[in-house]
Structures are given as structure tokens and as C-alpha cells.
Amino acid sequence: MEFEKKIDYHRKEIDKIDRQLIELFNRRAEHAIAIGKMKKERRLPVYDPERENEIFRNLREANNGPLTPDAIQRLFERIIDESRRIERDSAESREEKTGET
């Protein structure tokens, strides 16, 4: 019984954290959309390798574990990939609405 209580506690905490992550991911996505619109107006590419390298450097400096720097980078590669997709989709939907190319 004690095991079930302990594991249930940890699972509930993980569920809370997951909900917080979703909120944060969506906030991050809103900023990616805004950036995509600004880049489109200036005809800048979505992909910015210098910025991505800066992000990875910042994350390595901020990471205190237990996740390894490589694990953090792999996670954020997916997050950044989705952010790029959102930026592209945002720019494309704007083109469709305004007729711009």
C-alpha cells in the first residue's frame, strides 16, 4: 500500500508539471508566431542557426541536472523544430490571407 501511495504522489506531480509545460509550450508558440510574422515582413528566413546555437548554449548553462546536456538539447531540438513549423505555418497563412508571396 505504501508503494502505491508513493507512486501515485509522483504521478500526480508529473501530471501537474505536464500541464504547466503545456501552458509554457503554448506561450512559447505564441512568441514563435509573432516572430514568424516579423520575419515574413522583413523577408527573413525562418531558420536562424546562430539563434539556435545561442539557445542551446543558454540551456546548457541553465541546466543543473539530472538531465544531461545532450538530453536537454534533444528535447529542445524538437521544441525548436515545432517552433519553426509554427513560424512557417503562420507566414504561409498570412500569405494566403493577404495574397502576398
Protein backbone atom coordinates (compact mmCIF):
# COMPACT_ATOMS: atom_id res chain seq x y z
CA MET A 1 0.00 0.00 0.00
CA GLU A 2 2.81 2.42 0.83
CA PHE A 3 4.32 1.85 -2.64
CA GLU A 4 1.01 2.71 -4.32
CA LYS A 5 0.71 5.94 -2.32
CA LYS A 6 4.25 6.99 -3.18
CA ILE A 7 4.00 6.22 -6.86
CA ASP A 8 0.57 7.87 -7.05
CA TYR A 9 2.01 11.00 -5.47
CA HIS A 10 4.84 11.15 -8.02
CA ARG A 11 2.47 10.52 -10.91
CA LYS A 12 0.17 13.31 -9.77
CA GLU A 13 3.15 15.66 -9.52
CA ILE A 14 4.23 14.68 -13.04
CA ASP A 15 0.68 15.35 -14.29
CA LYS A 16 0.79 18.84 -12.72
CA ILE A 17 4.16 19.56 -14.29
CA ASP A 18 2.93 18.31 -17.67
CA ARG A 19 0.03 20.78 -17.52
CA GLN A 20 2.49 23.57 -16.70
CA LEU A 21 4.69 22.51 -19.60
CA ILE A 22 1.75 22.63 -21.99
CA GLU A 23 0.97 26.16 -20.85
CA LEU A 24 4.61 27.17 -21.30
CA PHE A 25 4.89 25.47 -24.71
CA ASN A 26 1.81 27.35 -25.88
CA ARG A 27 3.17 30.65 -24.60
CA ARG A 28 6.42 29.91 -26.41
CA ALA A 29 4.43 29.10 -29.57
CA GLU A 30 2.64 32.45 -29.40
CA HIS A 31 6.01 34.19 -29.44
CA ALA A 32 7.18 31.98 -32.32
CA ILE A 33 4.10 33.04 -34.29
CA ALA A 34 4.87 36.71 -33.61
CA ILE A 35 8.48 36.20 -34.67
CA GLY A 36 7.34 34.38 -37.82
CA LYS A 37 5.16 37.33 -38.77
CA MET A 38 8.00 39.80 -38.20
CA LYS A 39 10.43 37.66 -40.21
CA LYS A 40 7.91 37.42 -43.04
CA GLU A 41 7.52 41.20 -43.15
CA ARG A 42 11.30 41.56 -43.44
CA ARG A 43 11.60 38.58 -45.79
CA LEU A 44 13.93 36.82 -43.36
CA PRO A 45 14.33 33.03 -43.28
CA VAL A 46 12.62 31.08 -40.53
CA TYR A 47 15.76 29.08 -39.78
CA ASP A 48 18.39 31.03 -37.83
CA PRO A 49 21.29 28.71 -36.89
CA GLU A 50 23.04 31.39 -34.83
CA ARG A 51 19.94 31.89 -32.68
CA GLU A 52 19.50 28.15 -32.23
CA ASN A 53 23.12 27.78 -31.13
CA GLU A 54 22.57 30.63 -28.68
CA ILE A 55 19.51 28.83 -27.29
CA PHE A 56 21.48 25.61 -26.81
CA ARG A 57 24.32 27.49 -25.08
CA ASN A 58 21.83 29.18 -22.73
CA LEU A 59 20.18 25.86 -21.94
CA ARG A 60 23.49 24.14 -21.17
CA GLU A 61 24.37 26.97 -18.79
CA ALA A 62 20.95 26.82 -17.10
CA ASN A 63 20.84 23.04 -16.73
CA ASN A 64 21.58 21.72 -13.25
CA GLY A 65 20.52 18.12 -13.99
CA PRO A 66 19.59 15.40 -13.58
CA LEU A 67 19.04 15.60 -17.35
CA THR A 68 22.30 15.61 -19.28
CA PRO A 69 23.17 18.48 -21.62
CA ASP A 70 22.66 16.10 -24.56
CA ALA A 71 19.19 15.16 -23.29
CA ILE A 72 18.25 18.82 -22.91
CA GLN A 73 19.48 19.56 -26.42
CA ARG A 74 17.50 16.66 -27.91
CA LEU A 75 14.32 17.84 -26.15
CA PHE A 76 14.77 21.41 -27.31
CA GLU A 77 15.63 20.35 -30.85
CA ARG A 78 12.07 19.00 -31.05
CA ILE A 79 10.63 22.13 -29.44
CA ILE A 80 12.56 24.38 -31.81
CA ASP A 81 11.57 22.22 -34.79
CA GLU A 82 7.91 22.72 -33.85
CA SER A 83 8.52 26.45 -33.36
CA ARG A 84 9.97 26.67 -36.88
CA ARG A 85 6.95 24.80 -38.25
CA ILE A 86 4.62 27.22 -36.44
CA GLU A 87 6.58 30.21 -37.80
CA ARG A 88 6.35 28.82 -41.35
CA ASP A 89 2.65 28.00 -40.99
CA SER A 90 1.99 31.47 -39.63
CA ALA A 91 3.82 33.11 -42.52
CA GLU A 92 2.05 30.88 -45.06
CA SER A 93 -1.40 31.57 -43.63
CA ARG A 94 -0.63 35.28 -43.76
CA GLU A 95 0.31 34.92 -47.43
CA GLU A 96 -2.97 33.18 -48.13
CA LYS A 97 -4.98 35.90 -46.35
CA THR A 98 -3.18 38.83 -47.99
CA GLY A 99 -2.24 37.28 -51.32
CA GLU A 100 1.45 38.03 -50.64
CA THR A 101 4.28 35.81 -51.82
